[in-house]
């Protein structure tokens, strides 16, 4: 049976490349110790990811301390005024336009950071293990160096997020527990701690690594997928969910279909591709490739040709386009090779949401209360 499934899921495209849609073996066919192996690997991966992002955070915080120390040194030794910070901010943002950490306000915090923590070794051993926003909170709320050190250690020990740290400071936790912390050692935080969750979303760290734009695009695409999946299934027009991030192997390359549905009334698959950023003609080519593969590997002889839906989210605007194979009457803009159309054929209008309905629905996301600022 396995060989038949592999054969059914694999074809050669026109260029002669192997095209496959890998299907994992059922879980009940795995050895008895497979579940334990999987859990151990998941734990290891989570821990290594956490170590990597905390290492980046430590490098960022130490760099901020060094910048602050240099500014402080120049201002004390040469009497440089506040305007030097404004100029430095301008030049650094020009040199690193993708980084948001070089505002005049943040440079002043760097100077205050170096002024408040005079021993770089303590910074490296303790506060560099804490996200920058948590460090700013301690600078704003704590004037006593011993209290700052106590809360820094407690933050690491308990994995506090910035909000929890601020709450503990406001409640004057150090007075209730006593300020002595003996035998302090930096230990790996639990992967489910509040601080671990915060640091994985820290824009300062991702800006520093040059990956913040990719992270934001990924988050935006994830929100679009969540929203669109819910919208299509709630329409009641015959959409049945097949899969998300459906894996395709084309030659030696891996591709993933964002959303795959089967339409029970139209008797065809619907491939949905979501993109964040400006529209590119290559998006259409990729969508068409996915549609062809689904037709080759999944479509039953009695099924109709696969329909594609392309969504491109740029800032506050959502562009939606249908790709219709086998429908020659309604044609979209010619430069999309007559594969993309804004309007639906009459025979599809009762079974598929219109472009206007999709764009209107997804436009609500821009004004939802849980939208990221």
Protein backbone atom coordinates (compact mmCIF):
# COMPACT_ATOMS: atom_id res chain seq x y z
CA UNK A 1 0.00 0.00 0.00
CA UNK A 2 2.86 2.37 0.82
CA UNK A 3 4.41 2.02 -2.62
CA UNK A 4 1.09 2.79 -4.30
CA UNK A 5 0.69 5.94 -2.22
CA UNK A 6 4.23 7.11 -3.02
CA UNK A 7 3.59 6.49 -6.72
CA UNK A 8 0.29 8.35 -6.65
CA UNK A 9 1.84 11.36 -4.89
CA UNK A 10 4.82 11.73 -7.22
CA UNK A 11 5.07 12.93 -10.81
CA UNK A 12 7.53 14.52 -13.23
CA UNK A 13 6.89 18.08 -14.29
CA UNK A 14 7.46 19.40 -17.81
CA UNK A 15 11.09 20.19 -17.01
CA UNK A 16 11.67 16.61 -15.91
CA UNK A 17 11.92 17.41 -12.19
CA UNK A 18 10.43 15.09 -9.59
CA UNK A 19 7.31 16.63 -8.06
CA UNK A 20 5.97 15.14 -4.85
CA UNK A 21 3.61 15.88 -1.99
CA UNK A 22 5.15 13.98 0.96
CA UNK A 23 2.65 12.19 3.17
CA UNK A 24 3.87 11.11 6.64
CA UNK A 25 3.25 7.59 7.85
CA UNK A 26 0.41 7.25 10.41
CA UNK A 27 1.46 7.79 14.01
CA UNK A 28 0.22 4.34 15.05
CA UNK A 29 2.84 2.78 12.79
CA UNK A 30 5.73 4.38 14.69
CA UNK A 31 7.91 2.41 17.17
CA UNK A 32 7.00 2.52 20.85
CA UNK A 33 9.85 4.89 21.74
CA UNK A 34 9.09 7.37 18.93
CA UNK A 35 6.96 9.68 21.12
CA UNK A 36 9.77 9.97 23.67
CA UNK A 37 12.28 10.70 20.89
CA UNK A 38 10.01 13.41 19.48
CA UNK A 39 9.51 15.08 22.87
CA UNK A 40 13.27 15.05 23.54
CA UNK A 41 13.98 16.63 20.15
CA UNK A 42 11.30 19.30 20.62
CA UNK A 43 12.75 20.20 24.01
CA UNK A 44 16.28 20.36 22.58
CA UNK A 45 15.19 22.58 19.69
CA UNK A 46 13.29 24.94 21.99
CA UNK A 47 16.28 25.21 24.32
CA UNK A 48 18.75 25.88 21.50
CA UNK A 49 16.48 28.54 20.00
CA UNK A 50 16.25 30.18 23.40
CA UNK A 51 20.02 30.09 23.85
CA UNK A 52 20.52 31.67 20.42
CA UNK A 53 18.11 34.53 20.98
CA UNK A 54 19.43 35.23 24.50
CA UNK A 55 22.96 35.27 23.11
CA UNK A 56 21.87 37.88 20.57
CA UNK A 57 20.13 39.85 23.32
CA UNK A 58 23.29 39.82 25.48
CA UNK A 59 25.38 41.09 22.55
CA UNK A 60 22.81 43.85 21.93
CA UNK A 61 22.65 45.01 25.55
CA UNK A 62 26.46 45.02 25.88
CA UNK A 63 26.71 47.04 22.67
CA UNK A 64 24.20 49.52 24.06
CA UNK A 65 26.29 49.80 27.25
CA UNK A 66 29.45 50.41 25.19
CA UNK A 67 27.72 53.10 23.11
CA UNK A 68 26.39 54.75 26.26
CA UNK A 69 29.83 54.61 27.89
CA UNK A 70 31.45 56.27 24.87
CA UNK A 71 28.84 59.04 24.80
CA UNK A 72 29.26 59.56 28.55
CA UNK A 73 33.03 59.65 28.26
CA UNK A 74 32.99 62.25 25.47
CA UNK A 75 30.46 64.44 27.25
CA UNK A 76 32.39 64.37 30.52
CA UNK A 77 35.86 64.74 29.01
CA UNK A 78 35.12 67.19 26.19
CA UNK A 79 31.92 68.82 27.31
CA UNK A 80 29.87 67.62 24.35
CA UNK A 81 26.29 68.84 24.63
CA UNK A 82 22.95 67.16 24.03
CA UNK A 83 22.99 68.06 20.33
CA UNK A 84 25.69 65.44 19.74
CA UNK A 85 23.10 62.75 20.53
CA UNK A 86 20.68 64.12 17.93
CA UNK A 87 23.41 64.14 15.29
CA UNK A 88 24.64 60.68 16.26
CA UNK A 89 21.09 59.36 16.05
CA UNK A 90 20.69 60.81 12.56
CA UNK A 91 23.95 59.32 11.27
CA UNK A 92 23.42 55.88 12.82
CA UNK A 93 19.87 55.61 11.48
CA UNK A 94 21.18 56.60 8.06
CA UNK A 95 23.86 53.88 8.25
CA UNK A 96 21.44 51.25 9.65
CA UNK A 97 17.97 52.22 8.38
CA UNK A 98 16.39 48.90 9.39
CA UNK A 99 17.31 49.32 13.06
CA UNK A 100 14.92 51.22 15.32
CA UNK A 101 17.21 51.33 18.37
CA UNK A 102 19.13 54.49 17.50
CA UNK A 103 16.53 57.14 18.27
CA UNK A 104 17.74 60.12 20.38
CA UNK A 105 15.59 58.83 23.24
CA UNK A 106 17.16 55.37 23.13
CA UNK A 107 20.70 56.80 22.88
CA UNK A 108 19.98 58.78 26.04
CA UNK A 109 18.88 55.57 27.71
CA UNK A 110 22.17 53.97 26.64
CA UNK A 111 24.06 56.81 28.30
CA UNK A 112 21.97 56.47 31.45
CA UNK A 113 22.48 52.69 31.32
CA UNK A 114 26.28 53.07 31.33
CA UNK A 115 26.06 55.75 34.01
CA UNK A 116 23.88 53.57 36.26
CA UNK A 117 25.85 50.34 35.77
CA UNK A 118 29.49 51.35 36.05
CA UNK A 119 30.95 47.83 36.15
CA UNK A 120 30.82 46.19 32.72
CA UNK A 121 31.43 42.75 34.26
CA UNK A 122 28.19 43.01 36.24
CA UNK A 123 26.41 44.10 33.08
CA UNK A 124 27.76 41.11 31.19
CA UNK A 125 26.98 38.64 33.97
CA UNK A 126 23.54 39.95 34.93
CA UNK A 127 21.63 42.69 33.13
CA UNK A 128 22.81 41.65 29.65
CA UNK A 129 20.66 38.54 30.21
CA UNK A 130 17.55 40.73 30.41
CA UNK A 131 15.62 42.26 27.47
CA UNK A 132 16.37 45.93 26.80
CA UNK A 133 12.83 47.10 27.58
CA UNK A 134 13.10 45.49 31.02
CA UNK A 135 16.38 47.31 31.57
CA UNK A 136 14.72 50.59 30.63
CA UNK A 137 11.97 49.89 33.17
CA UNK A 138 14.55 49.44 35.93
CA UNK A 139 16.34 52.64 34.90
CA UNK A 140 13.05 54.57 35.07
CA UNK A 141 11.78 53.14 38.34
CA UNK A 142 14.81 52.31 40.49
CA UNK A 143 17.43 54.79 41.64
CA UNK A 144 19.19 52.58 44.17
CA UNK A 145 21.91 50.38 42.56
CA UNK A 146 21.38 47.54 45.06
CA UNK A 147 17.65 47.45 44.33
CA UNK A 148 18.30 47.41 40.58
CA UNK A 149 20.68 44.49 40.97
CA UNK A 150 18.20 42.64 43.19
CA UNK A 151 15.35 43.03 40.68
CA UNK A 152 17.67 42.13 37.79
CA UNK A 153 18.57 38.87 39.48
CA UNK A 154 14.97 38.11 40.38
CA UNK A 155 13.94 38.81 36.79
CA UNK A 156 16.40 36.21 35.51
CA UNK A 157 15.63 33.77 38.31
CA UNK A 158 11.86 33.88 37.72
CA UNK A 159 11.77 34.63 34.00
CA UNK A 160 9.71 37.80 34.47
CA UNK A 161 8.48 39.76 31.48
CA UNK A 162 8.76 43.55 31.56
CA UNK A 163 5.14 43.95 32.70
CA UNK A 164 5.59 41.50 35.58
CA UNK A 165 8.87 43.20 36.56
CA UNK A 166 7.16 46.60 36.67
CA UNK A 167 4.33 45.15 38.76
CA UNK A 168 6.82 43.66 41.24
CA UNK A 169 8.72 46.94 41.50
CA UNK A 170 5.49 48.89 42.09
CA UNK A 171 4.48 46.45 44.83
CA UNK A 172 7.94 46.90 46.43
CA UNK A 173 8.61 43.19 46.43
CA UNK A 174 12.18 43.69 47.72
CA UNK A 175 10.84 45.01 51.02
CA UNK A 176 8.59 42.00 51.50
CA UNK A 177 11.17 39.38 50.56
CA UNK A 178 14.38 40.99 51.75
CA UNK A 179 17.07 42.29 49.43
CA UNK A 180 19.62 39.51 49.96
CA UNK A 181 20.12 37.04 47.12
CA UNK A 182 22.80 34.46 47.83
CA UNK A 183 24.63 32.15 45.45
CA UNK A 184 23.19 33.78 42.35
CA UNK A 185 23.87 31.81 39.20
CA UNK A 186 22.56 32.39 35.70
CA UNK A 187 20.52 29.37 34.64
CA UNK A 188 18.69 28.57 31.44
CA UNK A 189 15.14 29.91 31.59
CA UNK A 190 12.21 27.58 31.05
CA UNK A 191 11.11 27.85 27.43
CA UNK A 192 7.58 28.75 28.55
CA UNK A 193 8.59 31.61 30.87
CA UNK A 194 7.18 35.10 30.36
CA UNK A 195 10.62 36.55 29.62
CA UNK A 196 11.34 33.84 27.03
CA UNK A 197 8.06 34.71 25.32
CA UNK A 198 8.92 38.42 25.43
CA UNK A 199 12.41 38.07 24.04
CA UNK A 200 11.24 35.98 21.09
CA UNK A 201 9.12 39.00 20.08
CA UNK A 202 11.62 41.71 21.02
CA UNK A 203 11.92 44.12 18.06
CA UNK A 204 15.27 45.42 19.34
CA UNK A 205 16.81 41.95 19.05
CA UNK A 206 15.34 41.26 15.61
CA UNK A 207 16.35 44.73 14.40
CA UNK A 208 19.86 44.02 15.65
CA UNK A 209 19.99 40.73 13.74
CA UNK A 210 18.51 42.27 10.62
CA UNK A 211 15.56 39.87 10.65
CA UNK A 212 12.78 42.10 11.96
CA UNK A 213 11.22 42.76 8.53
CA UNK A 214 11.09 39.02 7.82
CA UNK A 215 9.57 38.39 11.25
CA UNK A 216 6.89 41.03 10.69
CA UNK A 217 6.04 39.63 7.27
CA UNK A 218 5.78 36.14 8.75
CA UNK A 219 3.49 37.35 11.55
CA UNK A 220 1.34 39.25 9.06
CA UNK A 221 1.01 36.22 6.80
CA UNK A 222 0.12 34.06 9.81
CA UNK A 223 -2.66 36.49 10.83
CA UNK A 224 -3.96 36.57 7.27
CA UNK A 225 -4.05 32.77 7.17
CA UNK A 226 -5.91 32.58 10.49
CA UNK A 227 -8.42 35.20 9.39
CA UNK A 228 -9.00 33.88 5.87
CA UNK A 229 -9.33 30.25 6.99
CA UNK A 230 -12.01 31.23 9.51
CA UNK A 231 -13.78 33.48 6.98
CA UNK A 232 -13.97 30.87 4.21
CA UNK A 233 -15.11 28.05 6.49
CA UNK A 234 -17.82 30.26 8.01
CA UNK A 235 -19.21 31.25 4.60
CA UNK A 236 -21.07 27.97 4.35
CA UNK A 237 -20.53 27.87 0.58
CA UNK A 238 -18.87 24.46 0.48
CA UNK A 239 -15.27 25.08 1.55
CA UNK A 240 -13.67 22.08 3.29
CA UNK A 241 -10.28 22.55 4.95
CA UNK A 242 -7.53 20.25 3.61
CA UNK A 243 -4.31 21.63 5.07
CA UNK A 244 -2.07 24.54 5.98
CA UNK A 245 1.56 24.86 4.87
CA UNK A 246 1.11 21.78 2.67
CA UNK A 247 4.58 20.50 1.77
CA UNK A 248 5.61 20.13 -1.87
CA UNK A 249 8.92 18.83 -3.19
CA UNK A 250 9.91 20.09 -6.64
CA UNK A 251 13.24 18.64 -7.65
CA UNK A 252 15.57 19.51 -4.78
CA UNK A 253 13.48 22.50 -3.62
CA UNK A 254 10.80 22.62 -0.93
CA UNK A 255 7.63 24.70 -1.24
CA UNK A 256 4.62 25.11 1.06
CA UNK A 257 1.05 25.90 0.04
CA UNK A 258 -0.28 28.40 2.58
CA UNK A 259 -3.85 27.09 2.63
CA UNK A 260 -5.50 24.26 0.70
CA UNK A 261 -9.27 23.73 0.55
CA UNK A 262 -11.59 21.44 -1.35
CA UNK A 263 -14.84 22.99 -2.58
CA UNK A 264 -17.63 20.45 -2.22
CA UNK A 265 -20.07 22.22 -4.59
CA UNK A 266 -17.57 23.06 -7.32
CA UNK A 267 -15.79 19.71 -6.95
CA UNK A 268 -12.33 21.25 -7.14
CA UNK A 269 -9.36 22.19 -4.96
CA UNK A 270 -8.75 25.81 -3.98
CA UNK A 271 -5.14 26.89 -3.41
CA UNK A 272 -4.64 30.06 -1.34
CA UNK A 273 -1.33 31.91 -1.37
CA UNK A 274 -0.67 34.85 0.96
CA UNK A 275 2.11 37.40 0.61
CA UNK A 276 3.19 40.44 2.64
CA UNK A 277 4.79 43.34 0.80
CA UNK A 278 4.50 44.79 -2.68
CA UNK A 279 2.87 42.78 -5.45
CA UNK A 280 5.32 40.89 -7.66
CA UNK A 281 4.57 39.08 -10.90
CA UNK A 282 6.47 36.07 -9.49
CA UNK A 283 3.65 35.56 -6.99
CA UNK A 284 1.38 34.60 -9.88
CA UNK A 285 3.89 32.14 -11.32
CA UNK A 286 4.29 30.46 -7.94
CA UNK A 287 0.54 30.20 -7.46
CA UNK A 288 0.14 28.67 -10.91
CA UNK A 289 2.87 26.14 -10.13
CA UNK A 290 1.04 25.10 -6.95
CA UNK A 291 -2.24 24.77 -8.86
CA UNK A 292 -0.62 22.57 -11.49
CA UNK A 293 0.96 20.33 -8.85
CA UNK A 294 -2.34 19.93 -6.98
CA UNK A 295 -4.03 19.06 -10.28
CA UNK A 296 -1.33 16.48 -11.02
CA UNK A 297 -1.12 14.87 -7.58
CA UNK A 298 -4.53 15.28 -5.92
CA UNK A 299 -7.21 15.99 -8.50
CA UNK A 300 -9.55 13.10 -9.24
CA UNK A 301 -10.48 12.60 -12.91
CA UNK A 302 -14.02 13.75 -12.08
CA UNK A 303 -12.78 16.92 -10.33
CA UNK A 304 -12.65 20.29 -12.05
CA UNK A 305 -9.45 22.29 -12.46
CA UNK A 306 -7.95 23.81 -9.32
CA UNK A 307 -8.77 27.44 -8.49
CA UNK A 308 -6.15 29.75 -6.99
CA UNK A 309 -6.61 32.74 -4.69
CA UNK A 310 -3.75 35.21 -4.28
CA UNK A 311 -3.75 37.70 -1.39
CA UNK A 312 -1.12 40.42 -1.17
CA UNK A 313 -1.06 42.53 1.99
CA UNK A 314 0.82 45.83 1.73
CA UNK A 315 0.51 48.16 4.73
CA UNK A 316 -3.23 48.88 5.13
CA UNK A 317 -4.25 47.57 1.71
CA UNK A 318 -5.15 44.00 0.79
CA UNK A 319 -5.07 42.99 -2.87
CA UNK A 320 -7.00 39.83 -3.74
CA UNK A 321 -6.96 38.04 -7.09
CA UNK A 322 -8.40 34.78 -8.38
CA UNK A 323 -6.45 32.52 -10.71
CA UNK A 324 -8.87 30.47 -12.78
CA UNK A 325 -7.75 27.65 -15.02
CA UNK A 326 -10.12 26.53 -17.71
CA UNK A 327 -12.32 29.66 -17.54
CA UNK A 328 -11.67 31.69 -20.67
CA UNK A 329 -14.47 34.28 -20.59
CA UNK A 330 -13.64 36.57 -17.63
CA UNK A 331 -10.11 37.83 -18.21
CA UNK A 332 -8.14 40.03 -15.86
CA UNK A 333 -5.30 42.38 -16.68
CA UNK A 334 -3.43 41.07 -19.73
CA UNK A 335 0.04 41.35 -18.22
CA UNK A 336 -0.83 38.65 -15.69
CA UNK A 337 -0.93 36.29 -18.66
CA UNK A 338 -4.72 36.13 -18.44
CA UNK A 339 -4.43 33.91 -15.37
CA UNK A 340 -5.59 36.46 -12.81
CA UNK A 341 -9.05 37.98 -12.76
CA UNK A 342 -10.75 40.50 -10.50
CA UNK A 343 -14.24 39.24 -11.21
CA UNK A 344 -15.74 35.79 -11.09
CA UNK A 345 -17.50 33.92 -13.89
CA UNK A 346 -21.27 33.80 -13.46
CA UNK A 347 -21.20 30.05 -12.78
CA UNK A 348 -18.88 30.57 -9.79
CA UNK A 349 -20.45 33.61 -8.14
CA UNK A 350 -22.86 31.60 -6.00
CA UNK A 351 -20.09 29.34 -4.68
CA UNK A 352 -17.07 31.62 -4.17
CA UNK A 353 -16.79 34.89 -2.24
CA UNK A 354 -16.23 37.88 -4.49
CA UNK A 355 -12.95 39.78 -4.50
CA UNK A 356 -14.76 42.72 -2.89
CA UNK A 357 -16.06 40.50 -0.06
CA UNK A 358 -12.59 39.08 0.62
CA UNK A 359 -10.85 42.47 0.57
CA UNK A 360 -13.54 43.98 2.79
CA UNK A 361 -13.34 41.12 5.29
CA UNK A 362 -9.55 41.18 5.54
CA UNK A 363 -9.57 44.97 5.70
CA UNK A 364 -11.32 44.67 9.06
CA UNK A 365 -8.13 43.15 10.45
CA UNK A 366 -6.37 46.51 10.13
CA UNK A 367 -8.82 48.02 12.64
CA UNK A 368 -9.19 45.09 15.03
CA UNK A 369 -8.38 45.83 18.72
CA UNK A 370 -5.71 43.14 18.91
CA UNK A 371 -3.77 44.49 15.94
CA UNK A 372 -0.09 44.97 16.75
CA UNK A 373 1.03 48.55 17.12
